[in-house]
Amino acid sequence: MPEIVYHVPEGEPVHVNLKDQYWAALLAWLFPGAGHLFQGRTAKGLLFMICIVSTFVFGLAMGRARCVTATTGTGSLNYYFLAQGAVGALSFPAIIQSVKTSDGADPFWVLCERFPEDYANEKIRFHKIDQQKDVGPIPERTLKDGFMAPPAGPVFEHEADVLGMWHADYKHMFDLGVLYTMVAGLLNILAIYDAFCGPAILTEAQKEELEEQAKKKRRWL
């Protein structure tokens, strides 16, 4: 049960009880702020929880639950998810959806159907592939669009596919959703570090060392 003591110029030293650091770090990853609440650092835990969760949910809403996916339409890892997944349990639906759709099954939590049987019908709102081109048979994979599920349907390199439809429909909001959810994940990495190592408070010795380094730099300038 490690305890960190920070000596301040005035008043009593600051004691921070990190309890079990590994459990705290795991809880901080599973849900933002949970590690700090476990350590009894309630104010900081609530602050992290409110800021990180709200940032992630706001970004998810801007991308209409489609801007967070664990894999791409081709089944490869979505590199955005390396940052988004740092928010822990909030990103788990994306992993579940990727596993569920990996063998061509429909996703859980279906939002709508992107490529229904009459996908050549011009009146279908989400179908924006060139009707003059024969796109061929739909591959045997998921046909429905779901909450945090990878883009469904055929993948085209130079033609509009489902991912292209998302960008066309939401315009800059989709990219902003990706950005917000990535920022939330990166912020939670800092929260995990804080739960494991404690707050970054400079001691007097460290302050003096930094001031000395700054003086040396000024001499060179």
Protein backbone atom coordinates (compact mmCIF):
# COMPACT_ATOMS: atom_id res chain seq x y z
CA MET A 1 0.00 0.00 0.00
CA PRO A 2 2.37 2.79 -1.19
CA GLU A 3 1.96 6.29 0.12
CA ILE A 4 3.59 9.32 -1.47
CA VAL A 5 4.46 12.33 0.69
CA TYR A 6 4.99 15.72 -0.94
CA HIS A 7 6.67 18.39 1.17
CA VAL A 8 5.32 21.84 0.42
CA PRO A 9 6.90 25.19 1.40
CA GLU A 10 4.03 26.10 3.73
CA GLY A 11 1.65 23.96 5.75
CA GLU A 12 1.50 20.22 6.30
CA PRO A 13 3.02 17.74 3.81
CA VAL A 14 0.63 16.28 1.24
CA HIS A 15 0.00 12.54 1.72
CA VAL A 16 -1.35 10.56 -1.24
CA ASN A 17 -2.30 6.94 -0.53
CA LEU A 18 -2.18 5.03 -3.84
CA LYS A 19 -3.37 1.76 -2.24
CA ASP A 20 -2.88 -1.06 -4.76
CA GLN A 21 -1.42 0.78 -7.77
CA TYR A 22 -2.06 -2.04 -10.24
CA TRP A 23 -5.71 -2.40 -9.27
CA ALA A 24 -6.10 1.37 -9.40
CA ALA A 25 -4.58 1.54 -12.89
CA LEU A 26 -6.80 -1.32 -14.10
CA LEU A 27 -9.92 0.33 -12.71
CA ALA A 28 -8.86 3.67 -14.20
CA TRP A 29 -8.68 2.00 -17.61
CA LEU A 30 -11.94 0.08 -17.22
CA PHE A 31 -13.85 3.26 -16.44
CA PRO A 32 -12.42 6.79 -16.31
CA GLY A 33 -12.06 8.02 -12.73
CA ALA A 34 -12.78 4.64 -11.12
CA GLY A 35 -9.15 4.14 -10.08
CA HIS A 36 -9.07 7.45 -8.23
CA LEU A 37 -12.35 6.69 -6.48
CA PHE A 38 -10.83 3.36 -5.39
CA GLN A 39 -7.89 5.29 -3.91
CA GLY A 40 -10.19 7.68 -2.09
CA ARG A 41 -9.22 10.61 -4.34
CA THR A 42 -12.87 11.45 -4.90
CA ALA A 43 -12.62 14.99 -6.30
CA LYS A 44 -10.05 14.06 -8.92
CA GLY A 45 -11.91 10.84 -9.75
CA LEU A 46 -15.17 12.68 -10.38
CA LEU A 47 -13.35 15.32 -12.41
CA PHE A 48 -11.78 12.70 -14.68
CA MET A 49 -15.03 10.79 -14.94
CA ILE A 50 -17.12 13.81 -15.95
CA CYS A 51 -14.57 15.28 -18.39
CA ILE A 52 -13.46 12.08 -20.13
CA VAL A 53 -16.84 10.34 -20.31
CA SER A 54 -18.62 13.47 -21.54
CA THR A 55 -15.92 14.06 -24.19
CA PHE A 56 -16.23 10.47 -25.43
CA VAL A 57 -20.05 10.45 -25.43
CA PHE A 58 -20.19 13.84 -27.15
CA GLY A 59 -17.83 12.62 -29.88
CA LEU A 60 -19.80 9.39 -30.24
CA ALA A 61 -22.99 11.40 -30.66
CA MET A 62 -21.41 13.63 -33.33
CA GLY A 63 -20.42 10.52 -35.30
CA ARG A 64 -23.81 8.91 -34.59
CA ALA A 65 -22.19 5.90 -32.92
CA ARG A 66 -20.31 5.02 -36.12
CA CYS A 67 -17.05 6.89 -35.50
CA VAL A 68 -15.78 4.27 -33.00
CA THR A 69 -15.02 0.90 -34.59
CA ALA A 70 -12.41 -1.67 -33.57
CA THR A 71 -11.88 -2.85 -37.15
CA THR A 72 -12.30 -1.42 -40.63
CA GLY A 73 -14.64 -2.64 -43.35
CA THR A 74 -11.93 -5.03 -44.55
CA GLY A 75 -11.51 -6.59 -41.10
CA SER A 76 -8.12 -5.03 -40.27
CA LEU A 77 -7.44 -3.11 -37.06
CA ASN A 78 -8.73 0.46 -37.05
CA TYR A 79 -5.70 2.42 -35.84
CA TYR A 80 -7.97 5.17 -34.42
CA PHE A 81 -9.16 2.56 -31.94
CA LEU A 82 -5.71 2.36 -30.33
CA ALA A 83 -6.53 5.73 -28.73
CA GLN A 84 -10.30 5.29 -28.46
CA GLY A 85 -9.92 1.93 -26.68
CA ALA A 86 -8.07 3.62 -23.81
CA VAL A 87 -11.46 4.63 -22.35
CA GLY A 88 -12.02 0.99 -21.39
CA ALA A 89 -15.57 -0.30 -21.01
CA LEU A 90 -17.03 2.58 -23.03
CA SER A 91 -15.31 1.15 -26.12
CA PHE A 92 -16.17 -2.52 -25.48
CA PRO A 93 -19.26 -2.46 -27.77
CA ALA A 94 -16.92 -1.81 -30.71
CA ILE A 95 -14.93 -4.96 -29.89
CA ILE A 96 -18.11 -7.01 -29.45
CA GLN A 97 -19.49 -5.75 -32.76
CA SER A 98 -16.27 -6.56 -34.61
CA VAL A 99 -16.24 -10.11 -33.26
CA LYS A 100 -19.95 -10.55 -34.04
CA THR A 101 -19.61 -9.34 -37.64
CA SER A 102 -16.26 -11.02 -38.42
CA ASP A 103 -17.94 -14.11 -39.89
CA GLY A 104 -20.55 -12.19 -41.89
CA ALA A 105 -23.29 -12.11 -39.26
CA ASP A 106 -25.42 -9.05 -38.58
CA PRO A 107 -24.21 -6.87 -35.71
CA PHE A 108 -25.80 -6.49 -32.31
CA TRP A 109 -27.65 -3.22 -31.71
CA VAL A 110 -28.63 -2.75 -35.37
CA LEU A 111 -29.14 0.88 -36.37
CA CYS A 112 -30.39 0.40 -39.91
CA GLU A 113 -29.95 -1.64 -43.07
CA ARG A 114 -27.42 -0.22 -45.49
CA PHE A 115 -27.68 -2.74 -48.31
CA PRO A 116 -31.18 -4.26 -48.30
CA GLU A 117 -32.38 -6.67 -51.00
CA ASP A 118 -33.47 -3.89 -53.35
CA TYR A 119 -30.20 -2.00 -52.93
CA ALA A 120 -30.34 -0.83 -56.57
CA ASN A 121 -33.47 1.21 -55.81
CA GLU A 122 -32.61 4.91 -56.20
CA LYS A 123 -35.05 5.87 -53.46
CA ILE A 124 -33.03 4.17 -50.73
CA ARG A 125 -31.50 7.06 -48.78
CA PHE A 126 -28.20 5.49 -47.84
CA HIS A 127 -27.39 3.99 -51.24
CA LYS A 128 -25.05 6.34 -53.10
CA ILE A 129 -23.09 3.90 -55.28
CA ASP A 130 -23.22 4.67 -59.02
CA GLN A 131 -26.39 2.99 -60.27
CA GLN A 132 -24.97 2.68 -63.79
CA LYS A 133 -22.21 0.37 -62.63
CA ASP A 134 -22.74 -3.29 -61.93
CA VAL A 135 -21.31 -3.64 -58.44
CA GLY A 136 -21.72 -7.41 -58.60
CA PRO A 137 -23.03 -9.66 -55.86
CA ILE A 138 -22.80 -8.43 -52.29
CA PRO A 139 -20.05 -10.30 -50.43
CA GLU A 140 -21.15 -12.72 -47.77
CA ARG A 141 -20.69 -10.46 -44.80
CA THR A 142 -22.86 -8.35 -42.55
CA LEU A 143 -25.46 -6.32 -44.43
CA LYS A 144 -26.74 -4.25 -41.52
CA ASP A 145 -25.30 -1.17 -39.88
CA GLY A 146 -24.99 -1.20 -36.10
CA PHE A 147 -23.92 0.79 -33.05
CA MET A 148 -20.07 0.92 -33.09
CA ALA A 149 -20.03 -1.78 -35.81
CA PRO A 150 -17.56 -1.78 -38.72
CA PRO A 151 -18.92 -0.41 -42.00
CA ALA A 152 -21.07 -3.03 -43.73
CA GLY A 153 -21.44 -4.03 -47.33
CA PRO A 154 -18.92 -4.15 -50.19
CA VAL A 155 -15.71 -2.11 -49.91
CA PHE A 156 -14.66 -0.09 -52.96
CA GLU A 157 -11.34 1.65 -53.37
CA HIS A 158 -12.49 4.37 -55.76
CA GLU A 159 -16.28 4.26 -55.40
CA ALA A 160 -18.70 5.21 -52.64
CA ASP A 161 -19.04 2.49 -50.03
CA VAL A 162 -20.60 2.60 -46.55
CA LEU A 163 -17.68 4.43 -44.97
CA GLY A 164 -17.85 6.95 -47.80
CA MET A 165 -21.59 7.33 -47.14
CA TRP A 166 -20.93 8.08 -43.49
CA HIS A 167 -18.49 10.84 -44.43
CA ALA A 168 -20.91 12.21 -47.05
CA ASP A 169 -23.88 12.17 -44.67
CA TYR A 170 -22.18 13.64 -41.58
CA LYS A 171 -19.52 15.74 -43.34
CA HIS A 172 -17.04 17.21 -40.82
CA MET A 173 -19.07 15.90 -37.86
CA PHE A 174 -17.82 12.36 -38.48
CA ASP A 175 -14.17 13.43 -38.33
CA LEU A 176 -14.86 15.56 -35.25
CA GLY A 177 -16.48 12.53 -33.62
CA VAL A 178 -13.34 10.49 -34.29
CA LEU A 179 -11.17 13.30 -32.91
CA TYR A 180 -13.22 13.77 -29.71
CA THR A 181 -13.29 10.05 -28.93
CA MET A 182 -9.53 9.79 -29.53
CA VAL A 183 -8.87 12.77 -27.26
CA ALA A 184 -10.99 11.15 -24.54
CA GLY A 185 -8.87 8.00 -24.78
CA LEU A 186 -5.59 9.94 -24.65
CA LEU A 187 -6.82 11.89 -21.62
CA ASN A 188 -7.64 8.62 -19.88
CA ILE A 189 -4.08 7.41 -20.46
CA LEU A 190 -2.96 10.40 -18.36
CA ALA A 191 -5.55 9.48 -15.74
CA ILE A 192 -4.27 5.89 -15.65
CA TYR A 193 -0.72 7.17 -15.16
CA ASP A 194 -1.87 9.45 -12.35
CA ALA A 195 -3.66 6.56 -10.63
CA PHE A 196 -0.53 4.40 -10.85
CA CYS A 197 2.20 6.94 -10.06
CA GLY A 198 0.39 9.67 -8.15
CA PRO A 199 0.15 13.39 -8.90
CA ALA A 200 3.07 15.17 -10.55
CA ILE A 201 3.92 17.66 -7.78
CA LEU A 202 7.33 19.33 -7.97
CA THR A 203 9.42 19.22 -4.81
CA GLU A 204 11.59 22.16 -3.77
CA ALA A 205 14.71 20.32 -4.96
CA GLN A 206 13.14 19.71 -8.37
CA LYS A 207 12.09 23.35 -8.64
CA GLU A 208 15.61 24.51 -7.83
CA GLU A 209 17.04 22.13 -10.43
CA LEU A 210 14.65 23.42 -13.10
CA GLU A 211 15.51 27.02 -12.22
CA GLU A 212 19.22 26.21 -12.49
CA GLN A 213 18.69 24.64 -15.90
CA ALA A 214 16.75 27.71 -17.04
CA LYS A 215 19.60 29.98 -15.88
CA LYS A 216 22.13 27.94 -17.86
CA LYS A 217 19.97 28.20 -20.99
CA ARG A 218 19.70 31.98 -20.58
CA ARG A 219 23.51 32.23 -20.33
CA TRP A 220 23.89 30.41 -23.63
CA LEU A 221 21.36 32.74 -25.24
